[in-house]
């Protein structure tokens, strides 16, 4: 059996920059097939040459014009979102076939209103959970996606998918949200999403046997985030923490990155002195536009996630939050040459790899898909020396 499925999964609570990593992988590895199982509560952003694209239903791999796109049965579609997404990316999508599983349901206004009335543990209130619940109850009122533009529900979904599984070199399974939002396994219930967010569930939602899985790329960040406690009507509800770690301020992140120091040691005096000249790295959610909450890392919690998801490599995004000198850098790190790490950056990366037991192959340094440092030559050199 050919092992040709690559999964890209968020190892924290979402917003680790999967969209960038997925698009980068799709273009550089010439991915032949990509599959999503998304709901509209998360957006995946891809930036190339300054042009920002946001995908919420359609695979990010659409940035590669040669990739066949699938939308799996774990998806839930909001037609207004889909139409806007299509129009915003019309140059990539017009005249292109996208194969949809015939059991993908459509969100209706009643689903959004139901969530606003009943969910009290943190949510984007986009209707995905309520719509999926209606499908699970086998309600005759459930509406399923049929066709729009070149996006069509296809009764031959499995035949077409498995023909690619038998012949393609690379099939990309695009993860949605993050493992720390997993309803069953994250340890954060009830401050989670409405389903499992693990590789096994991604495979099951797509209809792919685990025997086809070749590699798992886990995307993480030095300082994980959670969504804002502020909701759609301006009121607040608690949306959860990250393990047992402390919540940080964006001023700590900004000044820490500017000084090249870990943000937990940044004082109010540092913020007053450097706050106005430090780069502003503050982030807002793609969908709700609310300011993200940011936390120190809980290494024991992350180790538990790695044990559960068993990644073959790690993509450490937002590396510039550790030191803004690396912001938007592109290049190769092999232990010498143009890209240099001081002892603190070296110690941090060595500590993180040692704790997780997984090689950190790439360091993301900015929003563009070319903003990254390729660390693979250095990792492979160390692996060879240790043989």
Protein backbone atom coordinates (compact mmCIF):
# COMPACT_ATOMS: atom_id res chain seq x y z
CA UNK A 1 0.00 0.00 0.00
CA UNK A 2 1.30 3.43 -0.95
CA UNK A 3 1.83 5.80 1.99
CA UNK A 4 1.26 9.19 0.44
CA UNK A 5 -0.88 11.20 2.89
CA UNK A 6 0.69 14.12 4.73
CA UNK A 7 -1.23 15.75 7.57
CA UNK A 8 -0.66 19.29 8.81
CA UNK A 9 -2.09 19.81 12.28
CA UNK A 10 -2.11 22.68 14.76
CA UNK A 11 -0.52 21.49 18.02
CA UNK A 12 -2.01 24.21 20.21
CA UNK A 13 -5.28 26.16 20.39
CA UNK A 14 -5.41 27.28 16.76
CA UNK A 15 -3.89 30.36 15.11
CA UNK A 16 -0.45 28.79 14.76
CA UNK A 17 -0.35 29.80 11.09
CA UNK A 18 -1.46 26.56 9.44
CA UNK A 19 -2.66 28.43 6.36
CA UNK A 20 0.84 29.68 5.65
CA UNK A 21 2.39 26.24 6.25
CA UNK A 22 -0.23 24.43 4.15
CA UNK A 23 0.16 26.80 1.21
CA UNK A 24 3.94 26.61 1.44
CA UNK A 25 3.81 22.80 1.45
CA UNK A 26 1.30 22.68 -1.43
CA UNK A 27 3.48 24.87 -3.64
CA UNK A 28 6.92 23.55 -2.75
CA UNK A 29 5.97 19.86 -2.69
CA UNK A 30 3.63 20.04 -5.70
CA UNK A 31 0.74 18.46 -3.81
CA UNK A 32 -1.62 16.61 -6.16
CA UNK A 33 -4.67 16.39 -3.87
CA UNK A 34 -5.79 18.37 -0.81
CA UNK A 35 -8.71 17.70 1.54
CA UNK A 36 -10.37 19.81 4.23
CA UNK A 37 -13.10 19.19 6.77
CA UNK A 38 -13.66 22.78 7.87
CA UNK A 39 -16.40 24.73 9.56
CA UNK A 40 -16.65 28.53 9.11
CA UNK A 41 -15.50 29.25 12.68
CA UNK A 42 -11.83 29.27 11.65
CA UNK A 43 -9.98 31.11 8.91
CA UNK A 44 -6.71 30.02 7.32
CA UNK A 45 -4.56 32.83 5.93
CA UNK A 46 -2.02 32.58 3.13
CA UNK A 47 0.17 35.50 2.02
CA UNK A 48 2.25 35.58 -1.14
CA UNK A 49 3.91 38.69 -2.57
CA UNK A 50 1.91 40.85 -0.18
CA UNK A 51 -1.47 39.48 -1.29
CA UNK A 52 -3.48 38.06 1.61
CA UNK A 53 -5.97 35.25 1.01
CA UNK A 54 -8.33 33.77 3.61
CA UNK A 55 -9.81 30.29 3.28
CA UNK A 56 -12.58 29.00 5.55
CA UNK A 57 -14.17 26.21 3.50
CA UNK A 58 -11.97 25.67 0.46
CA UNK A 59 -8.56 23.99 0.89
CA UNK A 60 -5.67 26.47 1.20
CA UNK A 61 -3.84 24.26 -1.30
CA UNK A 62 -5.93 26.03 -3.92
CA UNK A 63 -2.91 28.36 -4.18
CA UNK A 64 -1.35 25.57 -6.24
CA UNK A 65 -3.34 25.56 -9.52
CA UNK A 66 -2.46 21.91 -10.14
CA UNK A 67 -3.93 20.56 -6.89
CA UNK A 68 -7.24 18.67 -6.99
CA UNK A 69 -9.44 19.94 -4.15
CA UNK A 70 -11.79 17.90 -1.95
CA UNK A 71 -14.21 19.00 0.81
CA UNK A 72 -14.86 16.07 3.13
CA UNK A 73 -18.02 15.00 5.02
CA UNK A 74 -16.74 16.43 8.32
CA UNK A 75 -17.22 19.90 6.83
CA UNK A 76 -20.11 22.27 7.52
CA UNK A 77 -20.74 25.04 4.97
CA UNK A 78 -22.07 28.56 5.41
CA UNK A 79 -23.14 29.56 1.89
CA UNK A 80 -22.56 33.30 2.46
CA UNK A 81 -19.02 32.56 3.63
CA UNK A 82 -18.38 30.17 0.74
CA UNK A 83 -19.58 32.65 -1.88
CA UNK A 84 -17.49 35.48 -0.44
CA UNK A 85 -14.45 33.21 -0.19
CA UNK A 86 -14.89 32.14 -3.81
CA UNK A 87 -15.22 35.71 -5.08
CA UNK A 88 -12.16 36.85 -3.11
CA UNK A 89 -10.12 34.03 -4.65
CA UNK A 90 -11.80 33.92 -8.04
CA UNK A 91 -8.47 34.10 -9.87
CA UNK A 92 -7.55 30.74 -8.32
CA UNK A 93 -10.95 29.04 -8.36
CA UNK A 94 -12.92 30.05 -11.44
CA UNK A 95 -13.37 27.12 -13.80
CA UNK A 96 -11.85 24.72 -11.30
CA UNK A 97 -13.50 21.55 -10.02
CA UNK A 98 -13.87 21.08 -6.26
CA UNK A 99 -15.26 17.70 -5.18
CA UNK A 100 -17.60 17.78 -2.17
CA UNK A 101 -18.92 14.82 -0.18
CA UNK A 102 -22.74 14.66 -0.58
CA UNK A 103 -23.32 14.67 3.21
CA UNK A 104 -21.88 18.14 3.89
CA UNK A 105 -24.63 20.14 5.65
CA UNK A 106 -25.43 23.83 5.23
CA UNK A 107 -25.67 26.28 8.12
CA UNK A 108 -28.97 28.13 8.46
CA UNK A 109 -29.69 31.27 10.54
CA UNK A 110 -31.43 29.17 13.19
CA UNK A 111 -28.15 27.34 13.89
CA UNK A 112 -26.32 30.59 14.65
CA UNK A 113 -29.13 31.78 16.91
CA UNK A 114 -29.22 28.45 18.73
CA UNK A 115 -25.52 28.68 19.57
CA UNK A 116 -25.87 32.26 20.82
CA UNK A 117 -28.61 31.13 23.18
CA UNK A 118 -27.02 27.94 24.49
CA UNK A 119 -23.19 28.07 24.38
CA UNK A 120 -21.65 29.70 27.46
CA UNK A 121 -18.08 28.33 27.39
CA UNK A 122 -16.52 30.34 24.56
CA UNK A 123 -17.35 30.21 20.85
CA UNK A 124 -17.26 32.13 17.59
CA UNK A 125 -21.01 31.42 17.25
CA UNK A 126 -20.86 30.62 13.53
CA UNK A 127 -23.45 27.82 13.65
CA UNK A 128 -21.22 24.86 12.85
CA UNK A 129 -21.87 22.94 16.06
CA UNK A 130 -25.66 23.38 15.92
CA UNK A 131 -25.75 22.41 12.23
CA UNK A 132 -23.61 19.31 12.82
CA UNK A 133 -25.79 18.37 15.79
CA UNK A 134 -28.88 18.52 13.58
CA UNK A 135 -27.15 16.24 11.08
CA UNK A 136 -26.22 13.81 13.88
CA UNK A 137 -29.86 13.72 14.99
CA UNK A 138 -30.80 12.76 11.40
CA UNK A 139 -33.27 15.62 11.28
CA UNK A 140 -35.33 15.86 8.08
CA UNK A 141 -34.76 19.63 8.25
CA UNK A 142 -31.02 19.25 7.57
CA UNK A 143 -30.04 20.84 4.27
CA UNK A 144 -27.08 19.45 2.35
CA UNK A 145 -24.79 21.18 -0.10
CA UNK A 146 -25.50 20.43 -3.76
CA UNK A 147 -23.65 22.72 -6.14
CA UNK A 148 -22.29 26.23 -6.54
CA UNK A 149 -20.03 27.32 -9.41
CA UNK A 150 -17.46 24.53 -9.90
CA UNK A 151 -18.02 23.21 -6.37
CA UNK A 152 -20.21 20.10 -6.57
CA UNK A 153 -21.45 17.36 -4.26
CA UNK A 154 -20.25 14.23 -5.99
CA UNK A 155 -21.68 10.74 -5.33
CA UNK A 156 -18.38 9.36 -6.66
CA UNK A 157 -16.39 11.13 -3.90
CA UNK A 158 -14.81 7.91 -2.63
CA UNK A 159 -14.05 6.42 -6.04
CA UNK A 160 -12.24 9.61 -7.08
CA UNK A 161 -10.44 10.01 -3.76
CA UNK A 162 -9.20 6.42 -3.73
CA UNK A 163 -8.03 6.59 -7.32
CA UNK A 164 -5.69 9.37 -6.16
CA UNK A 165 -4.68 7.41 -3.06
CA UNK A 166 -3.53 4.61 -5.35
CA UNK A 167 -1.58 6.83 -7.74
CA UNK A 168 -0.63 10.25 -6.28
CA UNK A 169 2.77 11.00 -4.77
CA UNK A 170 1.46 13.51 -2.20
CA UNK A 171 -2.00 14.03 -0.74
CA UNK A 172 -2.36 16.76 1.86
CA UNK A 173 -4.84 16.55 4.72
CA UNK A 174 -5.39 20.11 5.93
CA UNK A 175 -6.17 20.36 9.64
CA UNK A 176 -8.64 22.85 11.07
CA UNK A 177 -8.46 24.62 14.45
CA UNK A 178 -6.00 23.15 16.97
CA UNK A 179 -5.45 20.09 19.14
CA UNK A 180 -5.91 22.11 22.35
CA UNK A 181 -9.48 22.74 21.21
CA UNK A 182 -10.17 19.00 20.87
CA UNK A 183 -13.39 18.22 22.71
CA UNK A 184 -12.25 14.85 24.07
CA UNK A 185 -8.47 14.82 24.31
CA UNK A 186 -7.20 18.36 24.92
CA UNK A 187 -7.99 18.46 28.64
CA UNK A 188 -9.65 21.87 28.17
CA UNK A 189 -13.31 20.79 28.10
CA UNK A 190 -15.73 22.65 28.11
CA UNK A 191 -13.56 25.44 26.66
CA UNK A 192 -13.14 23.56 23.39
CA UNK A 193 -14.58 23.27 19.94
CA UNK A 194 -17.45 20.88 19.17
CA UNK A 195 -15.43 17.94 17.82
CA UNK A 196 -12.13 16.09 17.92
CA UNK A 197 -9.11 17.80 16.39
CA UNK A 198 -6.61 14.97 16.04
CA UNK A 199 -4.97 13.27 13.08
CA UNK A 200 -7.07 10.12 13.41
CA UNK A 201 -10.25 12.20 13.26
CA UNK A 202 -8.94 14.14 10.26
CA UNK A 203 -8.39 10.85 8.43
CA UNK A 204 -11.79 9.52 9.45
CA UNK A 205 -13.58 12.71 8.39
CA UNK A 206 -11.93 12.54 4.98
CA UNK A 207 -12.67 8.82 4.56
CA UNK A 208 -9.02 7.76 4.41
CA UNK A 209 -7.51 4.67 6.03
CA UNK A 210 -4.72 5.38 8.52
CA UNK A 211 -2.51 2.99 6.55
CA UNK A 212 -2.03 5.72 3.94
CA UNK A 213 -0.55 8.18 6.46
CA UNK A 214 3.12 8.99 5.81
CA UNK A 215 4.00 12.11 7.83
CA UNK A 216 2.48 14.48 10.37
CA UNK A 217 3.72 18.06 10.46
CA UNK A 218 2.72 19.79 13.69
CA UNK A 219 2.63 23.58 13.67
CA UNK A 220 3.22 25.30 17.02
CA UNK A 221 4.24 28.71 18.29
CA UNK A 222 6.46 29.85 21.21
CA UNK A 223 3.52 31.53 22.92
CA UNK A 224 0.13 29.85 22.34
CA UNK A 225 -3.09 31.84 22.07
CA UNK A 226 -6.76 31.54 22.95
CA UNK A 227 -9.67 33.49 21.53
CA UNK A 228 -10.88 36.68 23.17
CA UNK A 229 -13.23 36.50 26.17
CA UNK A 230 -15.31 39.19 24.45
CA UNK A 231 -18.14 37.82 22.30
CA UNK A 232 -20.36 39.11 19.49
CA UNK A 233 -22.53 41.43 21.63
CA UNK A 234 -19.67 42.99 23.60
CA UNK A 235 -20.24 40.91 26.73
CA UNK A 236 -17.63 38.50 28.09
CA UNK A 237 -17.45 34.79 28.81
CA UNK A 238 -14.39 32.78 29.80
CA UNK A 239 -12.89 31.00 26.78
CA UNK A 240 -10.24 28.96 28.58
CA UNK A 241 -6.50 29.00 29.24
CA UNK A 242 -3.51 27.10 27.85
CA UNK A 243 -2.70 24.27 30.26
CA UNK A 244 -1.32 25.70 33.51
CA UNK A 245 0.63 28.52 31.91
CA UNK A 246 0.28 32.19 32.78
CA UNK A 247 -1.41 34.70 30.49
CA UNK A 248 0.92 37.30 29.03
CA UNK A 249 0.29 40.79 27.68
CA UNK A 250 1.09 41.83 24.14
CA UNK A 251 3.33 44.54 25.63
CA UNK A 252 5.43 41.79 27.21
CA UNK A 253 5.64 39.98 23.86
CA UNK A 254 6.51 43.15 21.93
CA UNK A 255 9.20 44.43 24.29
CA UNK A 256 10.59 40.93 24.89
CA UNK A 257 10.99 40.42 21.13
CA UNK A 258 12.60 43.85 20.75
CA UNK A 259 15.13 43.18 23.52
CA UNK A 260 15.61 39.52 22.62
CA UNK A 261 14.51 38.54 26.12
CA UNK A 262 11.89 36.06 27.27
CA UNK A 263 8.64 38.00 27.87
CA UNK A 264 8.10 36.69 31.40
CA UNK A 265 11.11 38.74 32.60
CA UNK A 266 9.83 41.98 31.04
CA UNK A 267 8.86 44.52 33.72
CA UNK A 268 6.52 47.51 33.68
CA UNK A 269 9.64 49.70 33.61
CA UNK A 270 10.80 47.91 30.44
CA UNK A 271 7.41 48.43 28.83
CA UNK A 272 7.42 52.13 29.71
CA UNK A 273 10.93 52.57 28.31
CA UNK A 274 10.68 50.47 25.14
CA UNK A 275 6.95 50.08 24.49
CA UNK A 276 6.74 52.89 21.94
CA UNK A 277 9.71 51.74 19.87
CA UNK A 278 9.18 47.97 20.02
CA UNK A 279 7.46 46.37 16.99
CA UNK A 280 3.75 45.78 17.48
CA UNK A 281 3.17 42.02 17.14
CA UNK A 282 -0.40 42.11 18.47
CA UNK A 283 -2.70 39.62 16.72
CA UNK A 284 -6.42 39.59 15.97
CA UNK A 285 -8.50 36.57 15.04
CA UNK A 286 -9.16 36.03 11.34
CA UNK A 287 -12.90 35.49 11.73
CA UNK A 288 -14.10 37.60 14.69
CA UNK A 289 -11.39 40.33 14.51
CA UNK A 290 -11.01 40.21 18.30
CA UNK A 291 -7.61 40.60 20.00
CA UNK A 292 -6.13 37.21 20.79
CA UNK A 293 -5.10 36.27 24.32
CA UNK A 294 -1.53 35.01 24.54
CA UNK A 295 0.15 32.68 27.04
CA UNK A 296 3.51 31.36 28.10
CA UNK A 297 4.13 27.79 26.99
CA UNK A 298 3.18 24.88 29.25
CA UNK A 299 5.83 22.40 28.18
CA UNK A 300 4.28 19.44 30.00
CA UNK A 301 0.95 20.08 28.29
CA UNK A 302 2.68 20.34 24.91
CA UNK A 303 4.58 17.09 25.56
CA UNK A 304 1.24 15.39 26.18
CA UNK A 305 -0.02 16.71 22.86
CA UNK A 306 3.05 15.40 21.03
CA UNK A 307 2.57 11.95 22.57
CA UNK A 308 -1.05 11.95 21.40
CA UNK A 309 -0.47 13.28 17.86
CA UNK A 310 2.94 11.69 17.20
CA UNK A 311 4.27 14.28 14.71
CA UNK A 312 7.24 13.41 12.53
CA UNK A 313 8.44 17.03 12.49
CA UNK A 314 7.61 20.40 14.00
CA UNK A 315 7.17 23.75 12.28
CA UNK A 316 7.82 26.45 14.92
CA UNK A 317 5.96 29.49 13.64
CA UNK A 318 6.07 33.06 15.01
CA UNK A 319 9.78 32.71 15.81
CA UNK A 320 10.03 36.49 15.56
CA UNK A 321 8.15 36.72 18.87
CA UNK A 322 11.31 35.41 20.53
CA UNK A 323 13.52 37.99 18.81
CA UNK A 324 12.25 40.59 16.34
CA UNK A 325 15.66 40.64 14.60
CA UNK A 326 14.41 37.53 12.78
CA UNK A 327 11.17 39.13 11.59
CA UNK A 328 10.44 38.30 7.92
CA UNK A 329 13.81 36.53 7.49
CA UNK A 330 14.14 33.88 4.77
CA UNK A 331 17.02 31.48 4.45
CA UNK A 332 18.74 28.26 5.48
CA UNK A 333 20.34 27.58 8.84
CA UNK A 334 23.14 25.04 8.83
CA UNK A 335 25.14 26.18 11.88
CA UNK A 336 27.17 28.74 9.99
CA UNK A 337 26.68 31.31 7.24
CA UNK A 338 24.41 34.35 7.05
CA UNK A 339 21.77 33.26 9.57
CA UNK A 340 23.16 33.30 13.09
CA UNK A 341 21.58 32.30 16.41
CA UNK A 342 23.00 33.59 19.68
CA UNK A 343 23.37 31.19 22.61
CA UNK A 344 19.89 32.00 23.95
CA UNK A 345 18.14 31.08 20.69
CA UNK A 346 20.30 27.94 20.36
CA UNK A 347 19.55 26.93 23.95
CA UNK A 348 15.82 27.51 23.47
CA UNK A 349 15.64 25.37 20.31
CA UNK A 350 17.79 22.63 21.84
CA UNK A 351 15.60 22.62 24.97
CA UNK A 352 12.36 22.47 23.00
CA UNK A 353 13.57 19.64 20.75
CA UNK A 354 14.91 17.71 23.74
CA UNK A 355 11.65 18.06 25.68
CA UNK A 356 9.41 17.13 22.75
CA UNK A 357 11.63 14.51 21.14
CA UNK A 358 10.70 15.74 17.68
CA UNK A 359 12.96 17.68 15.26
CA UNK A 360 12.12 21.33 14.60
CA UNK A 361 12.65 21.51 10.86
CA UNK A 362 11.33 24.99 10.09
CA UNK A 363 11.08 28.35 11.85
CA UNK A 364 8.36 30.70 10.64
CA UNK A 365 9.41 34.35 10.83
CA UNK A 366 6.51 36.33 9.34
CA UNK A 367 3.17 36.17 7.51
CA UNK A 368 4.40 35.58 3.94
CA UNK A 369 4.90 31.96 2.93
CA UNK A 370 8.55 32.81 2.14
CA UNK A 371 9.14 34.15 5.65
CA UNK A 372 10.83 31.13 7.16
CA UNK A 373 14.19 29.63 8.10
CA UNK A 374 14.88 26.12 6.82
CA UNK A 375 16.58 24.26 9.67
CA UNK A 376 16.57 20.82 8.04
CA UNK A 377 20.26 20.82 6.97
CA UNK A 378 21.34 21.53 10.54
CA UNK A 379 19.02 18.90 12.03
CA UNK A 380 20.17 16.27 9.55
CA UNK A 381 23.81 17.13 10.24
CA UNK A 382 23.24 16.59 13.98
CA UNK A 383 21.38 13.33 13.33
CA UNK A 384 24.27 12.07 11.21
CA UNK A 385 26.84 13.02 13.88
CA UNK A 386 24.84 11.16 16.53
CA UNK A 387 24.51 7.93 14.57
